[in-house]
Amino acid sequence: MSRIAFGAVLMSLAAPLAAGEIHGKVACKGVKDSADAVVYVAAISGKTFPAPAGHANIDQLNLVFHPHVLAVQEGTTVDFLNSDAVLHNVFSPDACADKFNLGTWPKGQTKSYTFKKECATSLLCKVHPEMEAFVVVVPTPYFATTKADGSYAIASVPDGSYTVKVWHPKLKGTEKAVSVSGGAAEADFEIAR
């Protein structure tokens, strides 16, 4: 084998797997718009992913959690900022998030919590019972949250066949098989109550 051919073989072995994008729309029936659906690649057999080093953020402003739905990968730490001039509390009653309670803190301060396992958990405030948000913890780094028109795009998905799931705070989730092959794969969903 010539040196050039041998070098080409080595380069092809060192090249990363081709990655594509899964995109499409989620039609959310029975709600005002199609925002806040989380679309994600389910657990991949034999694959694990390191926890992200960076933190995600949720703000409490005007007695509302921002964003209303936050998708994160397992192992992500979320920082909760209080931007209101009143005390806020953050807790989850859900066992999948270990029923955490961060206590109460004033404006300008932040408390953090690390979400360790796959889960769709509600966030509440003991001081303001009308406040509610959701953290959707997914097993892979391949996820997106839909815009109001239902559109989403999940970037850098390696070639392969996957189960893609959809979660929504008010509607029944769904899933389907999707194959990515060096480019874009389109997957549309429709969900309802």
N, C-alpha and C. Protein backbone atom coordinates (compact mmCIF):
# COMPACT_ATOMS: atom_id res chain seq x y z
N MET A 1 0.86 -1.18 0.00
CA MET A 1 0.00 0.00 0.00
C MET A 1 0.91 1.23 0.00
N SER A 2 0.63 2.18 -0.85
CA SER A 2 1.44 3.40 -0.91
C SER A 2 1.22 4.25 0.33
N ARG A 3 2.14 5.15 0.57
CA ARG A 3 2.00 6.06 1.72
C ARG A 3 0.76 6.94 1.59
N ILE A 4 0.47 7.36 0.39
CA ILE A 4 -0.71 8.23 0.18
C ILE A 4 -1.99 7.46 0.50
N ALA A 5 -2.09 6.23 0.01
CA ALA A 5 -3.29 5.43 0.29
C ALA A 5 -3.40 5.14 1.78
N PHE A 6 -2.27 4.80 2.43
CA PHE A 6 -2.26 4.53 3.85
C PHE A 6 -2.69 5.78 4.63
N GLY A 7 -2.19 6.95 4.22
CA GLY A 7 -2.58 8.22 4.87
C GLY A 7 -4.06 8.49 4.71
N ALA A 8 -4.61 8.17 3.52
CA ALA A 8 -6.04 8.37 3.30
C ALA A 8 -6.86 7.47 4.21
N VAL A 9 -6.42 6.23 4.41
CA VAL A 9 -7.12 5.31 5.30
C VAL A 9 -7.08 5.85 6.73
N LEU A 10 -5.92 6.30 7.17
CA LEU A 10 -5.81 6.87 8.52
C LEU A 10 -6.70 8.09 8.69
N MET A 11 -6.73 8.96 7.69
CA MET A 11 -7.58 10.17 7.77
C MET A 11 -9.05 9.78 7.86
N SER A 12 -9.47 8.77 7.10
CA SER A 12 -10.88 8.39 7.15
C SER A 12 -11.24 7.79 8.51
N LEU A 13 -10.28 7.08 9.14
CA LEU A 13 -10.55 6.54 10.47
C LEU A 13 -10.63 7.64 11.52
N ALA A 14 -9.85 8.70 11.33
CA ALA A 14 -9.83 9.78 12.31
C ALA A 14 -10.98 10.77 12.11
N ALA A 15 -11.61 10.73 10.93
CA ALA A 15 -12.68 11.69 10.65
C ALA A 15 -13.88 11.39 11.54
N PRO A 16 -14.54 12.44 12.03
CA PRO A 16 -15.72 12.20 12.86
C PRO A 16 -16.86 11.62 12.03
N LEU A 17 -17.77 10.94 12.72
CA LEU A 17 -18.95 10.45 12.03
C LEU A 17 -19.72 11.63 11.46
N ALA A 18 -20.31 11.41 10.31
CA ALA A 18 -21.11 12.47 9.72
C ALA A 18 -22.26 12.81 10.67
N ALA A 19 -22.57 14.08 10.77
CA ALA A 19 -23.65 14.49 11.65
C ALA A 19 -24.66 15.30 10.85
N GLY A 20 -25.87 15.15 11.22
CA GLY A 20 -26.93 15.85 10.51
C GLY A 20 -27.83 16.59 11.46
N GLU A 21 -29.01 16.87 10.98
CA GLU A 21 -29.98 17.64 11.76
C GLU A 21 -31.33 16.95 11.66
N ILE A 22 -32.01 16.86 12.78
CA ILE A 22 -33.40 16.43 12.76
C ILE A 22 -34.23 17.69 12.96
N HIS A 23 -35.15 17.92 12.02
CA HIS A 23 -35.99 19.11 12.13
C HIS A 23 -37.42 18.76 11.69
N GLY A 24 -38.32 19.67 12.00
CA GLY A 24 -39.71 19.46 11.61
C GLY A 24 -40.62 20.36 12.42
N LYS A 25 -41.88 19.92 12.53
CA LYS A 25 -42.87 20.67 13.29
C LYS A 25 -43.66 19.73 14.18
N VAL A 26 -44.06 20.27 15.32
CA VAL A 26 -44.96 19.56 16.22
C VAL A 26 -46.27 20.34 16.24
N ALA A 27 -47.33 19.74 15.75
CA ALA A 27 -48.65 20.36 15.78
C ALA A 27 -49.30 20.01 17.12
N CYS A 28 -49.54 21.03 17.92
CA CYS A 28 -50.12 20.84 19.26
C CYS A 28 -51.60 21.20 19.21
N LYS A 29 -52.46 20.20 19.26
CA LYS A 29 -53.90 20.40 19.13
C LYS A 29 -54.54 20.69 20.49
N GLY A 30 -55.39 21.72 20.54
CA GLY A 30 -56.14 22.02 21.74
C GLY A 30 -55.48 23.00 22.68
N VAL A 31 -54.37 23.63 22.26
CA VAL A 31 -53.70 24.67 23.05
C VAL A 31 -53.49 25.88 22.16
N LYS A 32 -53.17 27.05 22.77
CA LYS A 32 -53.14 28.30 22.00
C LYS A 32 -52.09 28.33 20.89
N ASP A 33 -50.94 27.67 21.11
CA ASP A 33 -49.92 27.59 20.06
C ASP A 33 -49.11 26.32 20.28
N SER A 34 -48.10 26.13 19.46
CA SER A 34 -47.32 24.89 19.52
C SER A 34 -45.97 25.05 20.20
N ALA A 35 -45.84 26.09 21.03
CA ALA A 35 -44.60 26.29 21.78
C ALA A 35 -44.51 25.30 22.94
N ASP A 36 -43.31 25.16 23.47
CA ASP A 36 -43.03 24.42 24.72
C ASP A 36 -43.11 22.91 24.62
N ALA A 37 -43.12 22.35 23.42
CA ALA A 37 -42.96 20.90 23.29
C ALA A 37 -41.46 20.63 23.25
N VAL A 38 -41.03 19.59 23.94
CA VAL A 38 -39.62 19.20 23.92
C VAL A 38 -39.49 17.98 23.02
N VAL A 39 -38.62 18.09 22.01
CA VAL A 39 -38.36 17.01 21.07
C VAL A 39 -36.94 16.53 21.33
N TYR A 40 -36.76 15.22 21.54
CA TYR A 40 -35.42 14.75 21.89
C TYR A 40 -35.17 13.32 21.43
N VAL A 41 -33.88 13.02 21.22
CA VAL A 41 -33.46 11.66 20.90
C VAL A 41 -33.42 10.89 22.22
N ALA A 42 -34.13 9.77 22.25
CA ALA A 42 -34.18 8.93 23.45
C ALA A 42 -32.82 8.29 23.70
N ALA A 43 -32.71 7.62 24.84
CA ALA A 43 -31.46 6.93 25.20
C ALA A 43 -30.99 6.05 24.04
N ILE A 44 -29.69 6.05 23.81
CA ILE A 44 -29.08 5.27 22.73
C ILE A 44 -28.34 4.11 23.37
N SER A 45 -28.72 2.91 23.02
CA SER A 45 -28.13 1.71 23.62
C SER A 45 -26.61 1.73 23.49
N GLY A 46 -25.93 1.51 24.62
CA GLY A 46 -24.47 1.46 24.62
C GLY A 46 -23.78 2.81 24.64
N LYS A 47 -24.54 3.90 24.64
CA LYS A 47 -23.94 5.25 24.62
C LYS A 47 -24.25 5.98 25.92
N THR A 48 -23.23 6.64 26.45
CA THR A 48 -23.43 7.56 27.57
C THR A 48 -22.81 8.89 27.18
N PHE A 49 -23.28 9.95 27.79
CA PHE A 49 -22.81 11.29 27.45
C PHE A 49 -22.39 12.01 28.72
N PRO A 50 -21.24 12.69 28.70
CA PRO A 50 -20.82 13.42 29.90
C PRO A 50 -21.78 14.57 30.19
N ALA A 51 -21.92 14.89 31.46
CA ALA A 51 -22.77 16.02 31.85
C ALA A 51 -22.19 17.31 31.30
N PRO A 52 -23.02 18.23 30.87
CA PRO A 52 -22.51 19.52 30.38
C PRO A 52 -21.79 20.29 31.49
N ALA A 53 -20.72 20.97 31.13
CA ALA A 53 -19.98 21.77 32.11
C ALA A 53 -20.73 23.06 32.45
N GLY A 54 -21.38 23.65 31.45
CA GLY A 54 -22.09 24.91 31.66
C GLY A 54 -23.42 24.70 32.37
N HIS A 55 -23.89 25.75 33.02
CA HIS A 55 -25.17 25.71 33.72
C HIS A 55 -26.28 26.27 32.83
N ALA A 56 -27.49 25.78 33.03
CA ALA A 56 -28.67 26.36 32.41
C ALA A 56 -29.27 27.36 33.40
N ASN A 57 -30.18 28.20 32.93
CA ASN A 57 -30.73 29.26 33.79
C ASN A 57 -32.24 29.34 33.70
N ILE A 58 -32.85 29.58 34.85
CA ILE A 58 -34.26 29.94 34.93
C ILE A 58 -34.35 31.18 35.80
N ASP A 59 -35.05 32.18 35.30
CA ASP A 59 -35.24 33.43 36.03
C ASP A 59 -36.66 33.46 36.59
N GLN A 60 -36.81 34.16 37.71
CA GLN A 60 -38.14 34.42 38.28
C GLN A 60 -38.35 35.92 38.20
N LEU A 61 -39.22 36.34 37.30
CA LEU A 61 -39.44 37.75 37.02
C LEU A 61 -40.92 38.01 36.83
N ASN A 62 -41.44 39.03 37.50
CA ASN A 62 -42.86 39.37 37.43
C ASN A 62 -43.75 38.18 37.83
N LEU A 63 -43.27 37.43 38.84
CA LEU A 63 -43.98 36.28 39.38
C LEU A 63 -44.21 35.18 38.33
N VAL A 64 -43.25 35.05 37.41
CA VAL A 64 -43.30 34.03 36.37
C VAL A 64 -41.92 33.42 36.21
N PHE A 65 -41.87 32.10 36.04
CA PHE A 65 -40.61 31.43 35.69
C PHE A 65 -40.32 31.66 34.21
N HIS A 66 -39.08 32.01 33.89
CA HIS A 66 -38.65 32.19 32.50
C HIS A 66 -37.41 31.35 32.25
N PRO A 67 -37.45 30.41 31.33
CA PRO A 67 -38.57 30.02 30.48
C PRO A 67 -39.57 29.14 31.23
N HIS A 68 -40.74 28.99 30.62
CA HIS A 68 -41.79 28.14 31.21
C HIS A 68 -41.41 26.67 31.12
N VAL A 69 -40.74 26.27 30.03
CA VAL A 69 -40.24 24.91 29.84
C VAL A 69 -38.77 24.99 29.50
N LEU A 70 -37.95 24.27 30.26
CA LEU A 70 -36.51 24.22 30.01
C LEU A 70 -36.12 22.76 29.81
N ALA A 71 -35.51 22.46 28.66
CA ALA A 71 -34.98 21.11 28.40
C ALA A 71 -33.49 21.11 28.69
N VAL A 72 -33.02 20.09 29.40
CA VAL A 72 -31.61 19.95 29.72
C VAL A 72 -31.21 18.49 29.62
N GLN A 73 -29.92 18.25 29.45
CA GLN A 73 -29.39 16.89 29.45
C GLN A 73 -29.18 16.44 30.89
N GLU A 74 -29.27 15.14 31.12
CA GLU A 74 -28.98 14.58 32.45
C GLU A 74 -27.64 15.10 32.96
N GLY A 75 -27.61 15.44 34.25
CA GLY A 75 -26.38 15.93 34.87
C GLY A 75 -26.21 17.43 34.79
N THR A 76 -27.16 18.13 34.19
CA THR A 76 -27.07 19.59 34.06
C THR A 76 -27.46 20.28 35.36
N THR A 77 -26.69 21.29 35.74
CA THR A 77 -27.03 22.14 36.88
C THR A 77 -27.81 23.34 36.36
N VAL A 78 -28.93 23.62 37.01
CA VAL A 78 -29.75 24.78 36.64
C VAL A 78 -29.63 25.81 37.75
N ASP A 79 -29.33 27.04 37.37
CA ASP A 79 -29.27 28.17 38.29
C ASP A 79 -30.61 28.90 38.27
N PHE A 80 -31.17 29.13 39.45
CA PHE A 80 -32.46 29.82 39.59
C PHE A 80 -32.22 31.20 40.17
N LEU A 81 -32.45 32.23 39.37
CA LEU A 81 -32.25 33.62 39.78
C LEU A 81 -33.59 34.22 40.20
N ASN A 82 -33.57 34.99 41.29
CA ASN A 82 -34.76 35.75 41.68
C ASN A 82 -34.54 37.19 41.22
N SER A 83 -35.31 37.62 40.21
CA SER A 83 -35.20 39.00 39.72
C SER A 83 -36.33 39.88 40.24
N ASP A 84 -37.19 39.33 41.09
CA ASP A 84 -38.30 40.11 41.65
C ASP A 84 -37.91 40.72 42.99
N ALA A 85 -38.62 41.77 43.36
CA ALA A 85 -38.37 42.45 44.64
C ALA A 85 -39.11 41.77 45.79
N VAL A 86 -39.52 40.53 45.59
CA VAL A 86 -40.18 39.75 46.63
C VAL A 86 -39.41 38.43 46.79
N LEU A 87 -39.61 37.76 47.92
CA LEU A 87 -38.98 36.46 48.13
C LEU A 87 -39.60 35.42 47.20
N HIS A 88 -38.75 34.52 46.69
CA HIS A 88 -39.23 33.39 45.90
C HIS A 88 -38.65 32.10 46.47
N ASN A 89 -39.31 31.02 46.14
CA ASN A 89 -38.91 29.68 46.53
C ASN A 89 -38.98 28.82 45.27
N VAL A 90 -38.14 27.80 45.17
CA VAL A 90 -38.25 26.83 44.07
C VAL A 90 -38.23 25.44 44.68
N PHE A 91 -39.26 24.65 44.31
CA PHE A 91 -39.28 23.26 44.75
C PHE A 91 -39.96 22.41 43.69
N SER A 92 -39.74 21.10 43.78
CA SER A 92 -40.43 20.15 42.91
C SER A 92 -41.03 19.07 43.78
N PRO A 93 -42.31 18.74 43.57
CA PRO A 93 -42.95 17.66 44.32
C PRO A 93 -42.69 16.28 43.71
N ASP A 94 -41.95 16.24 42.61
CA ASP A 94 -41.79 15.00 41.84
C ASP A 94 -40.62 14.15 42.33
N ALA A 95 -40.89 12.86 42.52
CA ALA A 95 -39.87 11.92 43.00
C ALA A 95 -38.70 11.80 42.04
N CYS A 96 -38.96 11.93 40.73
CA CYS A 96 -37.87 11.79 39.76
C CYS A 96 -36.84 12.91 39.89
N ALA A 97 -37.19 13.99 40.56
CA ALA A 97 -36.25 15.09 40.83
C ALA A 97 -35.92 15.14 42.32
N ASP A 98 -36.12 14.02 43.01
CA ASP A 98 -35.81 13.88 44.44
C ASP A 98 -36.58 14.85 45.33
N LYS A 99 -37.73 15.33 44.85
CA LYS A 99 -38.58 16.24 45.62
C LYS A 99 -37.76 17.37 46.28
N PHE A 100 -36.90 18.00 45.49
CA PHE A 100 -36.01 19.02 46.04
C PHE A 100 -36.76 20.29 46.44
N ASN A 101 -36.19 21.01 47.39
CA ASN A 101 -36.71 22.31 47.83
C ASN A 101 -35.50 23.18 48.13
N LEU A 102 -35.34 24.25 47.36
CA LEU A 102 -34.17 25.13 47.50
C LEU A 102 -34.36 26.21 48.55
N GLY A 103 -35.52 26.23 49.19
CA GLY A 103 -35.76 27.28 50.19
C GLY A 103 -36.21 28.57 49.53
N THR A 104 -36.11 29.66 50.28
CA THR A 104 -36.58 30.97 49.84
C THR A 104 -35.42 31.94 49.84
N TRP A 105 -35.37 32.82 48.83
CA TRP A 105 -34.27 33.79 48.77
C TRP A 105 -34.72 35.09 48.10
N PRO A 106 -33.99 36.18 48.37
CA PRO A 106 -34.40 37.51 47.91
C PRO A 106 -33.89 37.84 46.51
N LYS A 107 -34.30 39.02 46.05
CA LYS A 107 -33.93 39.54 44.73
C LYS A 107 -32.40 39.55 44.56
N GLY A 108 -31.99 39.16 43.35
CA GLY A 108 -30.57 39.22 42.99
C GLY A 108 -29.77 37.99 43.36
N GLN A 109 -30.35 37.10 44.15
CA GLN A 109 -29.62 35.90 44.54
C GLN A 109 -30.01 34.71 43.67
N THR A 110 -29.09 33.74 43.59
CA THR A 110 -29.28 32.54 42.78
C THR A 110 -29.06 31.30 43.64
N LYS A 111 -29.88 30.29 43.42
CA LYS A 111 -29.65 28.97 44.01
C LYS A 111 -29.64 27.97 42.86
N SER A 112 -28.96 26.84 43.06
CA SER A 112 -28.76 25.88 41.97
C SER A 112 -29.20 24.48 42.38
N TYR A 113 -29.53 23.69 41.35
CA TYR A 113 -29.87 22.29 41.56
C TYR A 113 -29.39 21.51 40.34
N THR A 114 -28.82 20.31 40.56
CA THR A 114 -28.36 19.45 39.47
C THR A 114 -29.39 18.35 39.24
N PHE A 115 -29.87 18.26 38.00
CA PHE A 115 -30.85 17.26 37.61
C PHE A 115 -30.11 16.02 37.11
N LYS A 116 -30.19 14.94 37.88
CA LYS A 116 -29.33 13.78 37.67
C LYS A 116 -29.90 12.70 36.77
N LYS A 117 -31.23 12.62 36.62
CA LYS A 117 -31.80 11.52 35.85
C LYS A 117 -32.94 12.00 34.96
N GLU A 118 -33.22 11.18 33.93
CA GLU A 118 -34.28 11.51 32.98
C GLU A 118 -35.59 11.73 33.72
N CYS A 119 -36.26 12.82 33.38
CA CYS A 119 -37.42 13.22 34.18
C CYS A 119 -38.10 14.41 33.53
N ALA A 120 -39.40 14.51 33.67
CA ALA A 120 -40.13 15.74 33.36
C ALA A 120 -40.73 16.19 34.68
N THR A 121 -40.16 17.24 35.26
CA THR A 121 -40.54 17.65 36.60
C THR A 121 -41.14 19.04 36.61
N SER A 122 -42.11 19.23 37.48
CA SER A 122 -42.70 20.56 37.63
C SER A 122 -41.91 21.35 38.66
N LEU A 123 -41.88 22.66 38.46
CA LEU A 123 -41.27 23.60 39.40
C LEU A 123 -42.38 24.47 39.96
N LEU A 124 -42.36 24.67 41.26
CA LEU A 124 -43.37 25.49 41.92
C LEU A 124 -42.69 26.44 42.90
N CYS A 125 -43.46 27.43 43.37
CA CYS A 125 -42.98 28.39 44.36
C CYS A 125 -43.95 28.36 45.54
N LYS A 126 -43.46 28.03 46.74
CA LYS A 126 -44.33 27.97 47.92
C LYS A 126 -44.89 29.34 48.29
N VAL A 127 -44.17 30.40 47.92
CA VAL A 127 -44.62 31.75 48.25
C VAL A 127 -45.72 32.21 47.29
N HIS A 128 -45.63 31.77 46.02
CA HIS A 128 -46.59 32.19 44.99
C HIS A 128 -47.12 30.93 44.29
N PRO A 129 -48.21 30.34 44.79
CA PRO A 129 -48.70 29.07 44.26
C PRO A 129 -49.14 29.11 42.80
N GLU A 130 -49.33 30.30 42.24
CA GLU A 130 -49.72 30.39 40.83
C GLU A 130 -48.53 30.20 39.89
N MET A 131 -47.32 30.22 40.42
CA MET A 131 -46.13 30.06 39.58
C MET A 131 -45.88 28.58 39.29
N GLU A 132 -45.63 28.27 38.00
CA GLU A 132 -45.32 26.90 37.61
C GLU A 132 -44.44 26.91 36.37
N ALA A 133 -43.50 25.98 36.33
CA ALA A 133 -42.65 25.78 35.16
C ALA A 133 -42.27 24.31 35.13
N PHE A 134 -41.51 23.92 34.09
CA PHE A 134 -41.13 22.53 33.93
C PHE A 134 -39.67 22.44 33.49
N VAL A 135 -38.97 21.45 34.05
CA VAL A 135 -37.65 21.09 33.56
C VAL A 135 -37.77 19.67 33.01
N VAL A 136 -37.39 19.52 31.74
CA VAL A 136 -37.44 18.22 31.08
C VAL A 136 -36.01 17.75 30.92
N VAL A 137 -35.67 16.70 31.65
CA VAL A 137 -34.30 16.18 31.68
C VAL A 137 -34.22 14.99 30.73
N VAL A 138 -33.39 15.09 29.71
CA VAL A 138 -33.31 14.07 28.66
C VAL A 138 -31.96 13.35 28.70
N PRO A 139 -31.88 12.13 28.15
CA PRO A 139 -30.68 11.32 28.30
C PRO A 139 -29.57 11.60 27.29
N THR A 140 -29.84 12.41 26.28
CA THR A 140 -28.83 12.68 25.25
C THR A 140 -28.67 14.18 25.07
N PRO A 141 -27.61 14.61 24.39
CA PRO A 141 -27.46 16.05 24.13
C PRO A 141 -28.24 16.51 22.90
N TYR A 142 -29.09 15.66 22.36
CA TYR A 142 -29.82 15.96 21.13
C TYR A 142 -31.27 16.27 21.45
N PHE A 143 -31.58 17.56 21.60
CA PHE A 143 -32.93 17.97 21.96
C PHE A 143 -33.19 19.40 21.54
N ALA A 144 -34.46 19.76 21.48
CA ALA A 144 -34.86 21.13 21.15
C ALA A 144 -36.24 21.38 21.75
N THR A 145 -36.57 22.65 21.94
CA THR A 145 -37.90 23.07 22.38
C THR A 145 -38.56 23.80 21.22
N THR A 146 -39.81 23.50 20.97
CA THR A 146 -40.49 24.08 19.81
C THR A 146 -40.79 25.57 20.00
N LYS A 147 -40.84 26.24 18.86
CA LYS A 147 -41.27 27.65 18.82
C LYS A 147 -42.80 27.66 18.75
N ALA A 148 -43.38 28.85 18.76
CA ALA A 148 -44.84 28.98 18.75
C ALA A 148 -45.48 28.31 17.53
N ASP A 149 -44.78 28.30 16.39
CA ASP A 149 -45.32 27.66 15.19
C ASP A 149 -45.08 26.15 15.17
N GLY A 150 -44.45 25.62 16.22
CA GLY A 150 -44.20 24.19 16.32
C GLY A 150 -42.88 23.74 15.72
N SER A 151 -42.14 24.65 15.11
CA SER A 151 -40.89 24.25 14.46
C SER A 151 -39.80 23.98 15.49
N TYR A 152 -38.90 23.07 15.13
CA TYR A 152 -37.76 22.73 15.98
C TYR A 152 -36.62 22.25 15.09
N ALA A 153 -35.41 22.28 15.61
CA ALA A 153 -34.24 21.74 14.91
C ALA A 153 -33.26 21.23 15.95
N ILE A 154 -32.86 19.97 15.79
CA ILE A 154 -31.86 19.36 16.68
C ILE A 154 -30.59 19.19 15.84
N ALA A 155 -29.53 19.91 16.20
CA ALA A 155 -28.31 19.93 15.40
C ALA A 155 -27.32 18.86 15.85
N SER A 156 -26.38 18.56 14.99
CA SER A 156 -25.21 17.71 15.27
C SER A 156 -25.56 16.29 15.70
N VAL A 157 -26.61 15.75 15.11
CA VAL A 157 -27.00 14.37 15.42
C VAL A 157 -26.19 13.43 14.53
N PRO A 158 -25.42 12.51 15.11
CA PRO A 158 -24.64 11.58 14.29
C PRO A 158 -25.54 10.69 13.44
N ASP A 159 -25.01 10.22 12.32
CA ASP A 159 -25.76 9.28 11.49
C ASP A 159 -26.20 8.08 12.33
N GLY A 160 -27.40 7.63 12.09
CA GLY A 160 -27.90 6.47 12.81
C GLY A 160 -29.41 6.46 12.85
N SER A 161 -29.95 5.42 13.46
CA SER A 161 -31.39 5.28 13.63
C SER A 161 -31.73 5.50 15.10
N TYR A 162 -32.74 6.31 15.35
CA TYR A 162 -33.06 6.73 16.71
C TYR A 162 -34.56 6.67 16.96
N THR A 163 -34.90 6.66 18.24
CA THR A 163 -36.27 6.92 18.67
C THR A 163 -36.30 8.38 19.09
N VAL A 164 -37.19 9.16 18.48
CA VAL A 164 -37.34 10.57 18.82
C VAL A 164 -38.67 10.72 19.56
N LYS A 165 -38.59 11.36 20.73
CA LYS A 165 -39.77 11.51 21.59
C LYS A 165 -40.18 12.97 21.68
N VAL A 166 -41.46 13.17 21.97
CA VAL A 166 -42.01 14.52 22.18
C VAL A 166 -42.71 14.54 23.53
N TRP A 167 -42.41 15.58 24.32
CA TRP A 167 -43.07 15.81 25.61
C TRP A 167 -43.70 17.19 25.56
N HIS A 168 -44.85 17.35 26.20
CA HIS A 168 -45.53 18.66 26.28
C HIS A 168 -46.17 18.77 27.66
N PRO A 169 -46.21 19.99 28.25
CA PRO A 169 -46.76 20.12 29.61
C PRO A 169 -48.25 19.83 29.72
N LYS A 170 -49.02 19.91 28.63
CA LYS A 170 -50.46 19.70 28.72
C LYS A 170 -50.98 18.59 27.82
N LEU A 171 -50.17 18.13 26.89
CA LEU A 171 -50.64 17.17 25.89
C LEU A 171 -49.91 15.83 26.04
N LYS A 172 -50.49 14.77 25.48
CA LYS A 172 -49.88 13.44 25.54
C LYS A 172 -48.68 13.39 24.60
N GLY A 173 -47.60 12.85 25.09
CA GLY A 173 -46.40 12.72 24.29
C GLY A 173 -46.53 11.64 23.24
N THR A 174 -45.54 11.58 22.37
CA THR A 174 -45.51 10.57 21.33
C THR A 174 -44.06 10.29 20.97
N GLU A 175 -43.84 9.33 20.09
CA GLU A 175 -42.49 9.02 19.63
C GLU A 175 -42.56 8.37 18.26
N LYS A 176 -41.43 8.39 17.55
CA LYS A 176 -41.33 7.70 16.27
C LYS A 176 -39.87 7.42 15.97
N ALA A 177 -39.64 6.46 15.08
CA ALA A 177 -38.30 6.13 14.63
C ALA A 177 -37.87 7.14 13.57
N VAL A 178 -36.62 7.61 13.69
CA VAL A 178 -36.07 8.58 12.73
C VAL A 178 -34.65 8.15 12.39
N SER A 179 -34.32 8.18 11.09
CA SER A 179 -32.96 7.84 10.65
C SER A 179 -32.29 9.09 10.11
N VAL A 180 -31.04 9.31 10.55
CA VAL A 180 -30.23 10.43 10.08
C VAL A 180 -29.12 9.84 9.23
N SER A 181 -28.93 10.39 8.05
CA SER A 181 -27.89 9.90 7.17
C SER A 181 -27.24 11.08 6.45
N GLY A 182 -26.15 11.61 7.04
CA GLY A 182 -25.35 12.67 6.42
C GLY A 182 -26.12 13.86 5.89
N GLY A 183 -26.85 14.51 6.70
CA GLY A 183 -27.61 15.67 6.25
C GLY A 183 -28.78 15.90 7.16
N ALA A 184 -29.94 16.11 6.57
CA ALA A 184 -31.11 16.44 7.38
C ALA A 184 -32.12 15.31 7.35
N ALA A 185 -32.77 15.11 8.47
CA ALA A 185 -33.90 14.19 8.56
C ALA A 185 -35.08 15.00 9.05
N GLU A 186 -36.24 14.78 8.44
CA GLU A 186 -37.43 15.53 8.85
C GLU A 186 -38.37 14.62 9.62
N ALA A 187 -38.88 15.13 10.72
CA ALA A 187 -39.83 14.38 11.53
C ALA A 187 -40.89 15.33 12.07
N ASP A 188 -42.12 15.16 11.60
CA ASP A 188 -43.24 15.95 12.07
C ASP A 188 -44.08 15.11 13.03
N PHE A 189 -44.69 15.78 13.99
CA PHE A 189 -45.51 15.11 15.00
C PHE A 189 -46.81 15.86 15.16
N GLU A 190 -47.82 15.15 15.65
CA GLU A 190 -49.07 15.78 16.08
C GLU A 190 -49.43 15.21 17.44
N ILE A 191 -49.68 16.11 18.40
CA ILE A 191 -50.04 15.68 19.74
C ILE A 191 -51.32 16.38 20.18
N ALA A 192 -52.03 15.73 21.08
CA ALA A 192 -53.31 16.27 21.56
C ALA A 192 -53.53 15.78 22.99
N ARG A 193 -54.63 16.19 23.58
CA ARG A 193 -54.95 15.77 24.95
C ARG A 193 -55.27 14.30 24.97
